[in-house]
Amino acid sequence: MALDALIDALAFYFDDERRAIPLPSAAQRGEQMIGLPADVSAAVLQLNKELGVG
């Protein structure tokens, strides 16, 4: 469920195409990391590259 919500949130960045997607920060104590599927990770990196970020 958390992964689905994260992917839905990322969709707003992909639709906008003018804002870079922030890269993840380190997990704080008590937090859990959510891994993205490889295709979504690649799309994030590609968008950020096109925008000159990262």
N, C-alpha and C. Protein backbone atom coordinates (compact mmCIF):
# COMPACT_ATOMS: atom_id res chain seq x y z
N MET A 1 0.81 -1.18 0.00
CA MET A 1 0.00 0.00 0.00
C MET A 1 0.87 1.26 0.00
N ALA A 2 1.92 1.29 0.79
CA ALA A 2 2.80 2.47 0.82
C ALA A 2 3.48 2.67 -0.53
N LEU A 3 3.88 1.58 -1.16
CA LEU A 3 4.52 1.68 -2.46
C LEU A 3 3.57 2.29 -3.47
N ASP A 4 2.33 1.85 -3.48
CA ASP A 4 1.34 2.39 -4.41
C ASP A 4 1.15 3.89 -4.19
N ALA A 5 1.10 4.31 -2.94
CA ALA A 5 0.93 5.73 -2.63
C ALA A 5 2.15 6.53 -3.10
N LEU A 6 3.34 5.98 -2.92
CA LEU A 6 4.56 6.66 -3.35
C LEU A 6 4.58 6.81 -4.87
N ILE A 7 4.25 5.76 -5.57
CA ILE A 7 4.23 5.82 -7.04
C ILE A 7 3.18 6.82 -7.52
N ASP A 8 2.02 6.85 -6.87
CA ASP A 8 1.00 7.84 -7.23
C ASP A 8 1.51 9.26 -7.01
N ALA A 9 2.22 9.47 -5.92
CA ALA A 9 2.77 10.81 -5.63
C ALA A 9 3.82 11.19 -6.67
N LEU A 10 4.63 10.25 -7.09
CA LEU A 10 5.65 10.54 -8.09
C LEU A 10 5.02 10.91 -9.43
N ALA A 11 3.84 10.42 -9.70
CA ALA A 11 3.16 10.71 -10.96
C ALA A 11 2.97 12.21 -11.16
N PHE A 12 2.77 12.96 -10.07
CA PHE A 12 2.61 14.40 -10.18
C PHE A 12 3.89 15.05 -10.73
N TYR A 13 5.04 14.54 -10.32
CA TYR A 13 6.30 15.06 -10.84
C TYR A 13 6.44 14.73 -12.33
N PHE A 14 6.08 13.51 -12.71
CA PHE A 14 6.20 13.13 -14.11
C PHE A 14 5.24 13.94 -14.98
N ASP A 15 4.06 14.23 -14.47
CA ASP A 15 3.10 15.03 -15.22
C ASP A 15 3.58 16.47 -15.38
N ASP A 16 4.22 17.00 -14.36
CA ASP A 16 4.69 18.38 -14.37
C ASP A 16 5.88 18.56 -15.32
N GLU A 17 6.82 17.65 -15.29
CA GLU A 17 8.01 17.63 -16.15
C GLU A 17 8.88 18.87 -16.02
N ARG A 18 8.69 19.67 -14.97
CA ARG A 18 9.54 20.83 -14.76
C ARG A 18 10.19 20.81 -13.39
N ARG A 19 9.79 19.86 -12.56
CA ARG A 19 10.33 19.77 -11.21
C ARG A 19 11.07 18.44 -11.05
N ALA A 20 12.27 18.54 -10.53
CA ALA A 20 13.04 17.33 -10.26
C ALA A 20 12.44 16.57 -9.09
N ILE A 21 12.61 15.28 -9.11
CA ILE A 21 12.13 14.43 -8.02
C ILE A 21 13.26 14.31 -6.99
N PRO A 22 12.99 14.69 -5.76
CA PRO A 22 14.06 14.59 -4.75
C PRO A 22 14.51 13.15 -4.56
N LEU A 23 15.81 12.98 -4.41
CA LEU A 23 16.35 11.65 -4.13
C LEU A 23 16.08 11.32 -2.66
N PRO A 24 16.04 10.05 -2.33
CA PRO A 24 15.70 9.67 -0.95
C PRO A 24 16.78 10.08 0.04
N SER A 25 16.35 10.39 1.23
CA SER A 25 17.29 10.66 2.31
C SER A 25 17.49 9.37 3.10
N ALA A 26 18.46 9.39 3.97
CA ALA A 26 18.71 8.22 4.81
C ALA A 26 17.54 8.03 5.77
N ALA A 27 17.24 6.79 6.05
CA ALA A 27 16.14 6.49 6.98
C ALA A 27 16.52 6.93 8.39
N GLN A 28 15.58 7.52 9.07
CA GLN A 28 15.76 7.89 10.46
C GLN A 28 15.39 6.70 11.33
N ARG A 29 15.79 6.74 12.56
CA ARG A 29 15.49 5.64 13.48
C ARG A 29 13.97 5.42 13.54
N GLY A 30 13.58 4.18 13.38
CA GLY A 30 12.17 3.81 13.43
C GLY A 30 11.45 3.88 12.08
N GLU A 31 12.10 4.46 11.07
CA GLU A 31 11.50 4.52 9.74
C GLU A 31 11.89 3.29 8.93
N GLN A 32 11.06 2.97 7.96
CA GLN A 32 11.37 1.88 7.04
C GLN A 32 11.48 2.44 5.64
N MET A 33 12.44 1.93 4.89
CA MET A 33 12.62 2.36 3.51
C MET A 33 11.68 1.57 2.61
N ILE A 34 11.22 2.21 1.55
CA ILE A 34 10.37 1.58 0.56
C ILE A 34 11.14 1.60 -0.76
N GLY A 35 11.44 0.44 -1.28
CA GLY A 35 12.17 0.35 -2.54
C GLY A 35 11.24 0.52 -3.72
N LEU A 36 11.71 1.24 -4.72
CA LEU A 36 10.94 1.43 -5.94
C LEU A 36 11.27 0.33 -6.94
N PRO A 37 10.32 -0.04 -7.78
CA PRO A 37 10.64 -0.96 -8.87
C PRO A 37 11.70 -0.34 -9.79
N ALA A 38 12.47 -1.17 -10.45
CA ALA A 38 13.57 -0.69 -11.29
C ALA A 38 13.10 0.27 -12.37
N ASP A 39 11.95 0.03 -12.97
CA ASP A 39 11.49 0.91 -14.04
C ASP A 39 11.13 2.30 -13.51
N VAL A 40 10.58 2.36 -12.31
CA VAL A 40 10.24 3.66 -11.72
C VAL A 40 11.52 4.39 -11.32
N SER A 41 12.46 3.68 -10.73
CA SER A 41 13.75 4.29 -10.37
C SER A 41 14.44 4.86 -11.61
N ALA A 42 14.44 4.11 -12.69
CA ALA A 42 15.06 4.56 -13.93
C ALA A 42 14.35 5.81 -14.46
N ALA A 43 13.05 5.85 -14.38
CA ALA A 43 12.29 7.01 -14.86
C ALA A 43 12.60 8.25 -14.01
N VAL A 44 12.75 8.07 -12.71
CA VAL A 44 13.10 9.18 -11.82
C VAL A 44 14.47 9.73 -12.20
N LEU A 45 15.44 8.85 -12.36
CA LEU A 45 16.79 9.28 -12.72
C LEU A 45 16.82 9.95 -14.09
N GLN A 46 16.04 9.43 -15.03
CA GLN A 46 15.99 10.02 -16.37
C GLN A 46 15.38 11.42 -16.33
N LEU A 47 14.29 11.58 -15.61
CA LEU A 47 13.66 12.90 -15.51
C LEU A 47 14.62 13.90 -14.88
N ASN A 48 15.25 13.50 -13.79
CA ASN A 48 16.20 14.40 -13.13
C ASN A 48 17.37 14.75 -14.05
N LYS A 49 17.83 13.79 -14.82
CA LYS A 49 18.93 14.06 -15.76
C LYS A 49 18.50 15.06 -16.82
N GLU A 50 17.29 14.89 -17.33
CA GLU A 50 16.79 15.81 -18.35
C GLU A 50 16.64 17.24 -17.78
N LEU A 51 16.37 17.34 -16.50
CA LEU A 51 16.23 18.64 -15.86
C LEU A 51 17.56 19.19 -15.36
N GLY A 52 18.64 18.43 -15.55
CA GLY A 52 19.96 18.88 -15.15
C GLY A 52 20.24 18.73 -13.67
N VAL A 53 19.55 17.80 -13.04
CA VAL A 53 19.73 17.55 -11.60
C VAL A 53 20.34 16.17 -11.43
N GLY A 54 21.33 16.08 -10.52
CA GLY A 54 21.91 14.76 -10.24
C GLY A 54 22.84 14.35 -11.25
